[in-house]
Protein backbone atom coordinates (compact mmCIF):
# COMPACT_ATOMS: atom_id res chain seq x y z
CA UNK A 1 -6.87 -9.22 -0.08
CA UNK A 2 -7.04 -6.88 2.91
CA UNK A 3 -5.08 -9.32 5.10
CA UNK A 4 -2.40 -9.70 2.44
CA UNK A 5 -2.04 -5.91 2.21
CA UNK A 6 -1.75 -5.71 6.00
CA UNK A 7 1.03 -8.30 5.85
CA UNK A 8 2.84 -6.33 3.13
CA UNK A 9 2.54 -3.13 5.18
CA UNK A 10 3.99 -4.79 8.28
CA UNK A 11 6.82 -6.30 6.24
CA UNK A 12 7.57 -2.80 4.89
CA UNK A 13 7.69 -1.22 8.34
CA UNK A 14 4.17 -0.23 9.40
CA UNK A 15 3.57 -1.19 13.03
CA UNK A 16 0.65 -3.58 13.63
CA UNK A 17 -1.01 -1.02 15.94
CA UNK A 18 -1.02 1.54 13.09
CA UNK A 19 -2.61 -0.65 10.39
CA UNK A 20 -6.08 0.87 10.75
CA UNK A 21 -4.79 4.44 10.44
CA UNK A 22 -7.02 6.49 8.15
CA UNK A 23 -4.11 8.38 6.55
CA UNK A 24 -0.62 6.88 6.69
CA UNK A 25 0.93 9.86 4.90
CA UNK A 26 -0.59 12.59 7.11
CA UNK A 27 0.27 10.57 10.22
CA UNK A 28 3.86 10.43 8.90
CA UNK A 29 3.89 6.64 9.11
CA UNK A 30 4.96 6.27 5.48
CA UNK A 31 7.59 7.94 3.35
CA UNK A 32 8.44 7.68 -0.34
CA UNK A 33 10.93 4.84 0.18
CA UNK A 34 8.33 2.82 2.05
CA UNK A 35 5.80 3.48 -0.73
CA UNK A 36 8.32 2.13 -3.24
CA UNK A 37 8.78 -1.02 -1.12
CA UNK A 38 5.01 -1.45 -0.84
CA UNK A 39 4.56 -1.07 -4.60
CA UNK A 40 7.21 -3.68 -5.31
CA UNK A 41 5.67 -6.08 -2.78
CA UNK A 42 2.15 -5.61 -4.19
CA UNK A 43 3.37 -6.09 -7.75
CA UNK A 44 5.16 -9.29 -6.75
CA UNK A 45 2.27 -10.63 -4.66
CA UNK A 46 -0.46 -9.96 -7.22
CA UNK A 47 1.61 -10.30 -10.43
CA UNK A 48 0.68 -6.80 -11.58
CA UNK A 49 2.55 -3.72 -12.79
CA UNK A 50 1.34 -0.47 -11.27
CA UNK A 51 1.44 2.41 -13.73
CA UNK A 52 3.56 5.40 -12.74
CA UNK A 53 0.49 7.63 -13.01
CA UNK A 54 -1.05 5.70 -10.10
CA UNK A 55 1.90 6.23 -7.80
CA UNK A 56 0.38 9.17 -5.95
CA UNK A 57 -0.32 9.68 -2.25
CA UNK A 58 -4.07 9.22 -2.71
CA UNK A 59 -3.66 5.52 -3.48
CA UNK A 60 -1.57 4.95 -0.34
CA UNK A 61 -3.72 6.78 2.21
CA UNK A 62 -4.90 3.63 4.00
CA UNK A 63 -5.51 -0.07 3.50
CA UNK A 64 -8.82 0.57 1.75
CA UNK A 65 -7.31 2.81 -0.91
CA UNK A 66 -4.46 0.36 -1.48
CA UNK A 67 -6.97 -2.45 -1.84
CA UNK A 68 -8.84 -0.42 -4.49
CA UNK A 69 -5.56 0.19 -6.32
CA UNK A 70 -4.73 -3.52 -6.44
CA UNK A 71 -8.27 -4.38 -7.54
CA UNK A 72 -7.92 -1.87 -10.38
CA UNK A 73 -5.12 -4.02 -11.79
CA UNK A 74 -6.23 -7.49 -10.72
CA UNK A 75 -9.82 -7.44 -11.68
């Protein structure tokens, strides 16, 4: 799952060298439009629908938090 999330992030504009960043938002690597693109890509990839209550910066801090978010809906 981690590799698929990395692929989604790169497709949405995160540079490969920045993938292991501990906080995409604080590092200003991600904005709200990019988050929307990432959500759409994750929903399409994993056939899930992320609840609006889960669309908060904490779930998009890094790859690990995004992986936990997807797992919340997948499994």
